[in-house]
PDB file of N, CA and C in Angstrom:
ATOM      1  N   MET A   1      12.711 -21.850  -4.286  1.00  0.00           N
ATOM      2  CA  MET A   1      12.955 -21.187  -3.032  1.00  0.00           C
ATOM      3  C   MET A   1      11.667 -20.533  -2.536  1.00  0.00           C
ATOM      4  N   LEU A   2      11.365 -20.699  -1.286  1.00  0.00           N
ATOM      5  CA  LEU A   2      10.170 -20.135  -0.683  1.00  0.00           C
ATOM      6  C   LEU A   2      10.484 -18.742  -0.162  1.00  0.00           C
ATOM      7  N   ALA A   3       9.754 -17.756  -0.659  1.00  0.00           N
ATOM      8  CA  ALA A   3       9.957 -16.379  -0.204  1.00  0.00           C
ATOM      9  C   ALA A   3       8.933 -16.057   0.875  1.00  0.00           C
ATOM     10  N   ILE A   4       9.423 -15.642   2.023  1.00  0.00           N
ATOM     11  CA  ILE A   4       8.537 -15.276   3.114  1.00  0.00           C
ATOM     12  C   ILE A   4       8.673 -13.781   3.345  1.00  0.00           C
ATOM     13  N   ASN A   5       7.573 -13.069   3.152  1.00  0.00           N
ATOM     14  CA  ASN A   5       7.584 -11.633   3.361  1.00  0.00           C
ATOM     15  C   ASN A   5       7.476 -11.324   4.844  1.00  0.00           C
ATOM     16  N   THR A   6       8.229 -10.334   5.251  1.00  0.00           N
ATOM     17  CA  THR A   6       8.145  -9.808   6.603  1.00  0.00           C
ATOM     18  C   THR A   6       7.824  -8.325   6.477  1.00  0.00           C
ATOM     19  N   PRO A   7       7.364  -7.680   7.544  1.00  0.00           N
ATOM     20  CA  PRO A   7       7.133  -6.236   7.446  1.00  0.00           C
ATOM     21  C   PRO A   7       8.379  -5.491   6.949  1.00  0.00           C
ATOM     22  N   LYS A   8       9.540  -5.871   7.447  1.00  0.00           N
ATOM     23  CA  LYS A   8      10.779  -5.201   7.034  1.00  0.00           C
ATOM     24  C   LYS A   8      11.070  -5.418   5.548  1.00  0.00           C
ATOM     25  N   SER A   9      10.894  -6.636   5.064  1.00  0.00           N
ATOM     26  CA  SER A   9      11.183  -6.905   3.648  1.00  0.00           C
ATOM     27  C   SER A   9      10.191  -6.187   2.733  1.00  0.00           C
ATOM     28  N   VAL A  10       8.944  -6.084   3.163  1.00  0.00           N
ATOM     29  CA  VAL A  10       7.950  -5.365   2.356  1.00  0.00           C
ATOM     30  C   VAL A  10       8.283  -3.878   2.330  1.00  0.00           C
ATOM     31  N   MET A  11       8.675  -3.314   3.480  1.00  0.00           N
ATOM     32  CA  MET A  11       9.054  -1.903   3.531  1.00  0.00           C
ATOM     33  C   MET A  11      10.261  -1.634   2.635  1.00  0.00           C
ATOM     34  N   GLU A  12      11.240  -2.519   2.668  1.00  0.00           N
ATOM     35  CA  GLU A  12      12.424  -2.351   1.825  1.00  0.00           C
ATOM     36  C   GLU A  12      12.064  -2.420   0.346  1.00  0.00           C
ATOM     37  N   GLN A  13      11.167  -3.336  -0.020  1.00  0.00           N
ATOM     38  CA  GLN A  13      10.762  -3.453  -1.417  1.00  0.00           C
ATOM     39  C   GLN A  13       9.965  -2.228  -1.861  1.00  0.00           C
ATOM     40  N   LEU A  14       9.106  -1.721  -0.967  1.00  0.00           N
ATOM     41  CA  LEU A  14       8.363  -0.495  -1.290  1.00  0.00           C
ATOM     42  C   LEU A  14       9.319   0.661  -1.558  1.00  0.00           C
ATOM     43  N   ALA A  15      10.321   0.814  -0.715  1.00  0.00           N
ATOM     44  CA  ALA A  15      11.293   1.890  -0.891  1.00  0.00           C
ATOM     45  C   ALA A  15      12.001   1.753  -2.242  1.00  0.00           C
ATOM     46  N   LYS A  16      12.406   0.536  -2.599  1.00  0.00           N
ATOM     47  CA  LYS A  16      13.057   0.299  -3.891  1.00  0.00           C
ATOM     48  C   LYS A  16      12.113   0.625  -5.047  1.00  0.00           C
ATOM     49  N   ASN A  17      10.852   0.185  -4.923  1.00  0.00           N
ATOM     50  CA  ASN A  17       9.873   0.438  -5.983  1.00  0.00           C
ATOM     51  C   ASN A  17       9.634   1.933  -6.175  1.00  0.00           C
ATOM     52  N   PHE A  18       9.513   2.655  -5.051  1.00  0.00           N
ATOM     53  CA  PHE A  18       9.253   4.095  -5.139  1.00  0.00           C
ATOM     54  C   PHE A  18      10.462   4.817  -5.735  1.00  0.00           C
ATOM     55  N   LYS A  19      11.661   4.420  -5.341  1.00  0.00           N
ATOM     56  CA  LYS A  19      12.851   5.048  -5.904  1.00  0.00           C
ATOM     57  C   LYS A  19      12.927   4.795  -7.407  1.00  0.00           C
ATOM     58  N   GLN A  20      12.659   3.559  -7.826  1.00  0.00           N
ATOM     59  CA  GLN A  20      12.688   3.228  -9.247  1.00  0.00           C
ATOM     60  C   GLN A  20      11.647   4.028 -10.024  1.00  0.00           C
ATOM     61  N   LYS A  21      10.466   4.155  -9.456  1.00  0.00           N
ATOM     62  CA  LYS A  21       9.392   4.925 -10.110  1.00  0.00           C
ATOM     63  C   LYS A  21       9.807   6.397 -10.227  1.00  0.00           C
ATOM     64  N   ARG A  22      10.426   6.933  -9.173  1.00  0.00           N
ATOM     65  CA  ARG A  22      10.906   8.319  -9.201  1.00  0.00           C
ATOM     66  C   ARG A  22      11.911   8.505 -10.325  1.00  0.00           C
ATOM     67  N   LEU A  23      12.856   7.564 -10.441  1.00  0.00           N
ATOM     68  CA  LEU A  23      13.878   7.664 -11.479  1.00  0.00           C
ATOM     69  C   LEU A  23      13.284   7.515 -12.880  1.00  0.00           C
ATOM     70  N   GLU A  24      12.301   6.621 -13.023  1.00  0.00           N
ATOM     71  CA  GLU A  24      11.641   6.459 -14.331  1.00  0.00           C
ATOM     72  C   GLU A  24      10.949   7.743 -14.764  1.00  0.00           C
ATOM     73  N   LEU A  25      10.443   8.510 -13.791  1.00  0.00           N
ATOM     74  CA  LEU A  25       9.787   9.785 -14.093  1.00  0.00           C
ATOM     75  C   LEU A  25      10.795  10.926 -14.174  1.00  0.00           C
ATOM     76  N   ASN A  26      12.092  10.579 -14.095  1.00  0.00           N
ATOM     77  CA  ASN A  26      13.174  11.548 -14.205  1.00  0.00           C
ATOM     78  C   ASN A  26      13.067  12.653 -13.146  1.00  0.00           C
ATOM     79  N   LEU A  27      12.684  12.268 -11.940  1.00  0.00           N
ATOM     80  CA  LEU A  27      12.581  13.222 -10.835  1.00  0.00           C
ATOM     81  C   LEU A  27      13.774  13.054  -9.902  1.00  0.00           C
ATOM     82  N   THR A  28      14.315  14.168  -9.447  1.00  0.00           N
ATOM     83  CA  THR A  28      15.320  14.120  -8.400  1.00  0.00           C
ATOM     84  C   THR A  28      14.602  13.962  -7.059  1.00  0.00           C
ATOM     85  N   GLN A  29      15.358  13.645  -6.015  1.00  0.00           N
ATOM     86  CA  GLN A  29      14.755  13.598  -4.686  1.00  0.00           C
ATOM     87  C   GLN A  29      14.185  14.963  -4.329  1.00  0.00           C
ATOM     88  N   GLU A  30      14.907  16.017  -4.660  1.00  0.00           N
ATOM     89  CA  GLU A  30      14.444  17.373  -4.369  1.00  0.00           C
ATOM     90  C   GLU A  30      13.148  17.676  -5.107  1.00  0.00           C
ATOM     91  N   GLY A  31      13.079  17.264  -6.365  1.00  0.00           N
ATOM     92  CA  GLY A  31      11.883  17.503  -7.165  1.00  0.00           C
ATOM     93  C   GLY A  31      10.667  16.774  -6.625  1.00  0.00           C
ATOM     94  N   LEU A  32      10.853  15.502  -6.261  1.00  0.00           N
ATOM     95  CA  LEU A  32       9.741  14.718  -5.723  1.00  0.00           C
ATOM     96  C   LEU A  32       9.305  15.275  -4.375  1.00  0.00           C
ATOM     97  N   ALA A  33      10.266  15.653  -3.538  1.00  0.00           N
ATOM     98  CA  ALA A  33       9.933  16.220  -2.232  1.00  0.00           C
ATOM     99  C   ALA A  33       9.119  17.499  -2.409  1.00  0.00           C
ATOM    100  N   SER A  34       9.544  18.342  -3.310  1.00  0.00           N
ATOM    101  CA  SER A  34       8.855  19.609  -3.557  1.00  0.00           C
ATOM    102  C   SER A  34       7.443  19.395  -4.094  1.00  0.00           C
ATOM    103  N   LYS A  35       7.298  18.519  -5.063  1.00  0.00           N
ATOM    104  CA  LYS A  35       5.987  18.267  -5.674  1.00  0.00           C
ATOM    105  C   LYS A  35       5.010  17.590  -4.719  1.00  0.00           C
ATOM    106  N   SER A  36       5.529  16.771  -3.803  1.00  0.00           N
ATOM    107  CA  SER A  36       4.660  15.983  -2.930  1.00  0.00           C
ATOM    108  C   SER A  36       4.352  16.669  -1.605  1.00  0.00           C
ATOM    109  N   GLY A  37       5.191  17.625  -1.218  1.00  0.00           N
ATOM    110  CA  GLY A  37       5.018  18.239   0.092  1.00  0.00           C
ATOM    111  C   GLY A  37       5.646  17.435   1.213  1.00  0.00           C
ATOM    112  N   VAL A  38       6.413  16.415   0.862  1.00  0.00           N
ATOM    113  CA  VAL A  38       7.141  15.598   1.835  1.00  0.00           C
ATOM    114  C   VAL A  38       8.536  16.203   1.962  1.00  0.00           C
ATOM    115  N   SER A  39       9.038  16.328   3.175  1.00  0.00           N
ATOM    116  CA  SER A  39      10.353  16.931   3.353  1.00  0.00           C
ATOM    117  C   SER A  39      11.428  16.085   2.669  1.00  0.00           C
ATOM    118  N   LEU A  40      12.468  16.759   2.226  1.00  0.00           N
ATOM    119  CA  LEU A  40      13.576  16.062   1.570  1.00  0.00           C
ATOM    120  C   LEU A  40      14.196  15.048   2.523  1.00  0.00           C
ATOM    121  N   GLY A  41      14.311  15.393   3.795  1.00  0.00           N
ATOM    122  CA  GLY A  41      14.864  14.471   4.779  1.00  0.00           C
ATOM    123  C   GLY A  41      14.039  13.202   4.907  1.00  0.00           C
ATOM    124  N   SER A  42      12.717  13.347   4.900  1.00  0.00           N
ATOM    125  CA  SER A  42      11.842  12.165   4.988  1.00  0.00           C
ATOM    126  C   SER A  42      11.988  11.284   3.767  1.00  0.00           C
ATOM    127  N   LEU A  43      12.081  11.905   2.595  1.00  0.00           N
ATOM    128  CA  LEU A  43      12.237  11.133   1.364  1.00  0.00           C
ATOM    129  C   LEU A  43      13.576  10.393   1.350  1.00  0.00           C
ATOM    130  N   LYS A  44      14.641  11.071   1.754  1.00  0.00           N
ATOM    131  CA  LYS A  44      15.954  10.415   1.799  1.00  0.00           C
ATOM    132  C   LYS A  44      15.950   9.260   2.795  1.00  0.00           C
ATOM    133  N   ARG A  45      15.338   9.464   3.960  1.00  0.00           N
ATOM    134  CA  ARG A  45      15.267   8.407   4.969  1.00  0.00           C
ATOM    135  C   ARG A  45      14.488   7.208   4.419  1.00  0.00           C
ATOM    136  N   PHE A  46      13.398   7.479   3.688  1.00  0.00           N
ATOM    137  CA  PHE A  46      12.609   6.403   3.094  1.00  0.00           C
ATOM    138  C   PHE A  46      13.445   5.603   2.103  1.00  0.00           C
ATOM    139  N   GLU A  47      14.128   6.283   1.202  1.00  0.00           N
ATOM    140  CA  GLU A  47      14.906   5.580   0.189  1.00  0.00           C
ATOM    141  C   GLU A  47      16.116   4.856   0.780  1.00  0.00           C
ATOM    142  N   ASN A  48      16.655   5.363   1.877  1.00  0.00           N
ATOM    143  CA  ASN A  48      17.852   4.750   2.474  1.00  0.00           C
ATOM    144  C   ASN A  48      17.551   3.692   3.526  1.00  0.00           C
ATOM    145  N   SER A  49      16.487   3.894   4.314  1.00  0.00           N
ATOM    146  CA  SER A  49      16.231   2.953   5.414  1.00  0.00           C
ATOM    147  C   SER A  49      14.794   2.441   5.433  1.00  0.00           C
ATOM    148  N   SER A  50      14.000   2.821   4.453  1.00  0.00           N
ATOM    149  CA  SER A  50      12.598   2.390   4.267  1.00  0.00           C
ATOM    150  C   SER A  50      11.661   2.857   5.382  1.00  0.00           C
ATOM    151  N   GLN A  51      12.058   3.871   6.145  1.00  0.00           N
ATOM    152  CA  GLN A  51      11.216   4.416   7.207  1.00  0.00           C
ATOM    153  C   GLN A  51      10.467   5.634   6.690  1.00  0.00           C
ATOM    154  N   ILE A  52       9.119   5.622   6.835  1.00  0.00           N
ATOM    155  CA  ILE A  52       8.301   6.740   6.375  1.00  0.00           C
ATOM    156  C   ILE A  52       6.930   6.646   7.030  1.00  0.00           C
ATOM    157  N   SER A  53       6.296   7.786   7.224  1.00  0.00           N
ATOM    158  CA  SER A  53       4.936   7.764   7.761  1.00  0.00           C
ATOM    159  C   SER A  53       3.964   7.393   6.645  1.00  0.00           C
ATOM    160  N   LEU A  54       2.826   6.881   7.029  1.00  0.00           N
ATOM    161  CA  LEU A  54       1.818   6.513   6.028  1.00  0.00           C
ATOM    162  C   LEU A  54       1.383   7.736   5.236  1.00  0.00           C
ATOM    163  N   GLU A  55       1.171   8.854   5.921  1.00  0.00           N
ATOM    164  CA  GLU A  55       0.736  10.069   5.218  1.00  0.00           C
ATOM    165  C   GLU A  55       1.765  10.502   4.170  1.00  0.00           C
ATOM    166  N   SER A  56       3.032  10.481   4.523  1.00  0.00           N
ATOM    167  CA  SER A  56       4.073  10.855   3.562  1.00  0.00           C
ATOM    168  C   SER A  56       4.136   9.868   2.402  1.00  0.00           C
ATOM    169  N   LEU A  57       3.983   8.592   2.694  1.00  0.00           N
ATOM    170  CA  LEU A  57       3.981   7.571   1.640  1.00  0.00           C
ATOM    171  C   LEU A  57       2.847   7.823   0.655  1.00  0.00           C
ATOM    172  N   LEU A  58       1.681   8.174   1.180  1.00  0.00           N
ATOM    173  CA  LEU A  58       0.539   8.436   0.304  1.00  0.00           C
ATOM    174  C   LEU A  58       0.739   9.712  -0.503  1.00  0.00           C
ATOM    175  N   LYS A  59       1.366  10.725   0.083  1.00  0.00           N
ATOM    176  CA  LYS A  59       1.661  11.956  -0.664  1.00  0.00           C
ATOM    177  C   LYS A  59       2.617  11.669  -1.823  1.00  0.00           C
ATOM    178  N   LEU A  60       3.627  10.854  -1.568  1.00  0.00           N
ATOM    179  CA  LEU A  60       4.542  10.473  -2.644  1.00  0.00           C
ATOM    180  C   LEU A  60       3.799   9.696  -3.726  1.00  0.00           C
ATOM    181  N   SER A  61       2.853   8.864  -3.304  1.00  0.00           N
ATOM    182  CA  SER A  61       2.077   8.045  -4.239  1.00  0.00           C
ATOM    183  C   SER A  61       1.257   8.888  -5.203  1.00  0.00           C
ATOM    184  N   VAL A  62       0.783  10.035  -4.726  1.00  0.00           N
ATOM    185  CA  VAL A  62       0.014  10.927  -5.607  1.00  0.00           C
ATOM    186  C   VAL A  62       0.896  11.378  -6.767  1.00  0.00           C
ATOM    187  N   VAL A  63       2.082  11.847  -6.458  1.00  0.00           N
ATOM    188  CA  VAL A  63       2.990  12.355  -7.492  1.00  0.00           C
ATOM    189  C   VAL A  63       3.467  11.233  -8.404  1.00  0.00           C
ATOM    190  N   LEU A  64       3.687  10.054  -7.838  1.00  0.00           N
ATOM    191  CA  LEU A  64       4.173   8.921  -8.634  1.00  0.00           C
ATOM    192  C   LEU A  64       3.047   8.133  -9.298  1.00  0.00           C
ATOM    193  N   ASP A  65       1.831   8.641  -9.176  1.00  0.00           N
ATOM    194  CA  ASP A  65       0.649   8.065  -9.841  1.00  0.00           C
ATOM    195  C   ASP A  65       0.402   6.608  -9.447  1.00  0.00           C
ATOM    196  N   CYS A  66       0.478   6.333  -8.143  1.00  0.00           N
ATOM    197  CA  CYS A  66       0.186   4.972  -7.689  1.00  0.00           C
ATOM    198  C   CYS A  66      -0.675   4.977  -6.418  1.00  0.00           C
ATOM    199  N   LEU A  67      -1.344   6.089  -6.159  1.00  0.00           N
ATOM    200  CA  LEU A  67      -2.180   6.188  -4.968  1.00  0.00           C
ATOM    201  C   LEU A  67      -3.305   5.168  -4.985  1.00  0.00           C
ATOM    202  N   ASP A  68      -3.915   4.944  -6.134  1.00  0.00           N
ATOM    203  CA  ASP A  68      -5.035   3.997  -6.224  1.00  0.00           C
ATOM    204  C   ASP A  68      -4.635   2.573  -5.857  1.00  0.00           C
ATOM    205  N   ASP A  69      -3.360   2.249  -5.977  1.00  0.00           N
ATOM    206  CA  ASP A  69      -2.895   0.905  -5.611  1.00  0.00           C
ATOM    207  C   ASP A  69      -3.164   0.607  -4.136  1.00  0.00           C
ATOM    208  N   PHE A  70      -3.183   1.636  -3.314  1.00  0.00           N
ATOM    209  CA  PHE A  70      -3.398   1.436  -1.884  1.00  0.00           C
ATOM    210  C   PHE A  70      -4.851   1.086  -1.552  1.00  0.00           C
ATOM    211  N   MET A  71      -5.761   1.315  -2.459  1.00  0.00           N
ATOM    212  CA  MET A  71      -7.185   1.045  -2.200  1.00  0.00           C
ATOM    213  C   MET A  71      -7.478  -0.449  -2.103  1.00  0.00           C
ATOM    214  N   ASP A  72      -6.588  -1.287  -2.611  1.00  0.00           N
ATOM    215  CA  ASP A  72      -6.814  -2.735  -2.578  1.00  0.00           C
ATOM    216  C   ASP A  72      -6.194  -3.421  -1.361  1.00  0.00           C
ATOM    217  N   ILE A  73      -5.455  -2.661  -0.561  1.00  0.00           N
ATOM    218  CA  ILE A  73      -4.829  -3.245   0.628  1.00  0.00           C
ATOM    219  C   ILE A  73      -5.899  -3.547   1.668  1.00  0.00           C
ATOM    220  N   ALA A  74      -5.878  -4.741   2.197  1.00  0.00           N
ATOM    221  CA  ALA A  74      -6.801  -5.201   3.251  1.00  0.00           C
ATOM    222  C   ALA A  74      -8.262  -5.175   2.801  1.00  0.00           C
ATOM    223  N   LYS A  75      -8.471  -5.226   1.517  1.00  0.00           N
ATOM    224  CA  LYS A  75      -9.830  -5.276   0.978  1.00  0.00           C
ATOM    225  C   LYS A  75     -10.410  -6.670   1.219  1.00  0.00           C
ATOM    226  N   ALA A  76     -11.688  -6.715   1.551  1.00  0.00           N
ATOM    227  CA  ALA A  76     -12.338  -8.003   1.777  1.00  0.00           C
ATOM    228  C   ALA A  76     -12.276  -8.831   0.496  1.00  0.00           C
ATOM    229  N   LYS A  77     -11.972 -10.076   0.655  1.00  0.00           N
ATOM    230  CA  LYS A  77     -11.891 -10.986  -0.493  1.00  0.00           C
ATOM    231  C   LYS A  77     -13.298 -11.332  -0.963  1.00  0.00           C
ATOM    232  N   GLU A  78     -13.428 -11.438  -2.273  1.00  0.00           N
ATOM    233  CA  GLU A  78     -14.719 -11.843  -2.824  1.00  0.00           C
ATOM    234  C   GLU A  78     -14.914 -13.331  -2.597  1.00  0.00           C
ATOM    235  N   ASN A  79     -16.126 -13.690  -2.269  1.00  0.00           N
ATOM    236  CA  ASN A  79     -16.441 -15.098  -2.023  1.00  0.00           C
ATOM    237  C   ASN A  79     -16.637 -15.835  -3.336  1.00  0.00           C
ATOM    238  N   SER A  80     -16.285 -17.088  -3.324  1.00  0.00           N
ATOM    239  CA  SER A  80     -16.627 -17.944  -4.448  1.00  0.00           C
ATOM    240  C   SER A  80     -17.595 -19.001  -3.921  1.00  0.00           C
ATOM    241  N   PHE A  81     -18.609 -19.253  -4.666  1.00  0.00           N
ATOM    242  CA  PHE A  81     -19.674 -20.141  -4.214  1.00  0.00           C
ATOM    243  C   PHE A  81     -19.743 -21.368  -5.101  1.00  0.00           C
ATOM    244  N   SER A  82     -20.034 -22.500  -4.462  1.00  0.00           N
ATOM    245  CA  SER A  82     -20.119 -23.744  -5.220  1.00  0.00           C
ATOM    246  C   SER A  82     -21.550 -24.043  -5.668  1.00  0.00           C
ATOM    247  N   SER A  83     -22.517 -23.298  -5.118  1.00  0.00           N
ATOM    248  CA  SER A  83     -23.905 -23.522  -5.533  1.00  0.00           C
ATOM    249  C   SER A  83     -24.718 -22.242  -5.350  1.00  0.00           C
ATOM    250  N   LEU A  84     -25.860 -22.194  -5.980  1.00  0.00           N
ATOM    251  CA  LEU A  84     -26.762 -21.058  -5.841  1.00  0.00           C
ATOM    252  C   LEU A  84     -27.291 -20.969  -4.406  1.00  0.00           C
ATOM    253  N   ASP A  85     -27.539 -22.129  -3.782  1.00  0.00           N
ATOM    254  CA  ASP A  85     -28.013 -22.145  -2.388  1.00  0.00           C
ATOM    255  C   ASP A  85     -26.987 -21.490  -1.458  1.00  0.00           C
ATOM    256  N   GLU A  86     -25.726 -21.779  -1.676  1.00  0.00           N
ATOM    257  CA  GLU A  86     -24.681 -21.196  -0.847  1.00  0.00           C
ATOM    258  C   GLU A  86     -24.641 -19.667  -1.005  1.00  0.00           C
ATOM    259  N   LEU A  87     -24.821 -19.201  -2.217  1.00  0.00           N
ATOM    260  CA  LEU A  87     -24.878 -17.765  -2.474  1.00  0.00           C
ATOM    261  C   LEU A  87     -26.062 -17.130  -1.767  1.00  0.00           C
ATOM    262  N   LEU A  88     -27.212 -17.751  -1.868  1.00  0.00           N
ATOM    263  CA  LEU A  88     -28.415 -17.191  -1.253  1.00  0.00           C
ATOM    264  C   LEU A  88     -28.313 -17.160   0.272  1.00  0.00           C
ATOM    265  N   GLN A  89     -27.640 -18.121   0.871  1.00  0.00           N
ATOM    266  CA  GLN A  89     -27.470 -18.140   2.327  1.00  0.00           C
ATOM    267  C   GLN A  89     -26.634 -16.961   2.802  1.00  0.00           C
ATOM    268  N   THR A  90     -25.674 -16.532   2.026  1.00  0.00           N
ATOM    269  CA  THR A  90     -24.822 -15.420   2.454  1.00  0.00           C
ATOM    270  C   THR A  90     -25.559 -14.096   2.380  1.00  0.00           C
ATOM    271  N   LYS A  91     -26.540 -13.983   1.510  1.00  0.00           N
ATOM    272  CA  LYS A  91     -27.295 -12.737   1.396  1.00  0.00           C
ATOM    273  C   LYS A  91     -28.133 -12.477   2.638  1.00  0.00           C
ATOM    274  N   ASP A  92     -28.500 -13.521   3.378  1.00  0.00           N
ATOM    275  CA  ASP A  92     -29.301 -13.376   4.583  1.00  0.00           C
ATOM    276  C   ASP A  92     -28.471 -12.934   5.785  1.00  0.00           C
ATOM    277  N   LYS A  93     -27.166 -13.112   5.719  1.00  0.00           N
ATOM    278  CA  LYS A  93     -26.301 -12.764   6.849  1.00  0.00           C
ATOM    279  C   LYS A  93     -26.006 -11.265   6.826  1.00  0.00           C
ATOM    280  N   PRO A  94     -26.194 -10.589   7.955  1.00  0.00           N
ATOM    281  CA  PRO A  94     -25.860  -9.158   7.998  1.00  0.00           C
ATOM    282  C   PRO A  94     -24.345  -8.954   7.999  1.00  0.00           C
ATOM    283  N   LEU A  95     -23.912  -7.792   7.522  1.00  0.00           N
ATOM    284  CA  LEU A  95     -22.496  -7.471   7.541  1.00  0.00           C
ATOM    285  C   LEU A  95     -22.048  -7.223   8.972  1.00  0.00           C
ATOM    286  N   LYS A  96     -20.851  -7.683   9.310  1.00  0.00           N
ATOM    287  CA  LYS A  96     -20.310  -7.470  10.652  1.00  0.00           C
ATOM    288  C   LYS A  96     -19.960  -5.998  10.841  1.00  0.00           C
ATOM    289  N   LYS A  97     -20.293  -5.469  11.990  1.00  0.00           N
ATOM    290  CA  LYS A  97     -19.981  -4.080  12.316  1.00  0.00           C
ATOM    291  C   LYS A  97     -18.803  -3.990  13.274  1.00  0.00           C
ATOM    292  N   ARG A  98     -18.515  -5.080  14.009  1.00  0.00           N
ATOM    293  CA  ARG A  98     -17.405  -5.085  14.942  1.00  0.00           C
ATOM    294  C   ARG A  98     -16.984  -6.511  15.227  1.00  0.00           C
ATOM    295  N   GLY A  99     -15.784  -6.636  15.755  1.00  0.00           N
ATOM    296  CA  GLY A  99     -15.267  -7.955  16.125  1.00  0.00           C
ATOM    297  C   GLY A  99     -15.625  -8.281  17.549  1.00  0.00           C
ATOM    298  N   LYS A 100     -15.157  -9.425  18.013  1.00  0.00           N
ATOM    299  CA  LYS A 100     -15.383  -9.804  19.392  1.00  0.00           C
ATOM    300  C   LYS A 100     -14.077 -10.281  19.997  1.00  0.00           C
ATOM    301  N   LEU A 101     -13.978 -10.170  21.303  1.00  0.00           N
ATOM    302  CA  LEU A 101     -12.766 -10.577  22.002  1.00  0.00           C
ATOM    303  C   LEU A 101     -12.656 -12.079  22.015  1.00  0.00           C
ATOM    304  N   LYS A 102     -11.428 -12.563  21.990  1.00  0.00           N
ATOM    305  CA  LYS A 102     -11.198 -14.005  22.088  1.00  0.00           C
ATOM    306  C   LYS A 102     -10.266 -14.283  23.204  1.00  0.00           C
TER     307      LYS A 102
END
């Protein structure tokens, strides 16, 4: 079966993962809300409907010890080179500072 992720499915999976992590750490919703500085209402909404602000998600991540996982999101992929010449050619190219309109 081919699984196709959508923004909604990823948000739902994140909510499930965070709830499971909270339970593994034996934290109540009240306890996690208090430790993270995220309101109890926001935490309940996240676990029930997967809606949360990025800042609140990151605050929860600190307490659940998974903040560093976010550092790899949208990270530039490392290049693989088939020859030394190909590697040397990329070193001459400057890094892009901005995109262009299409």
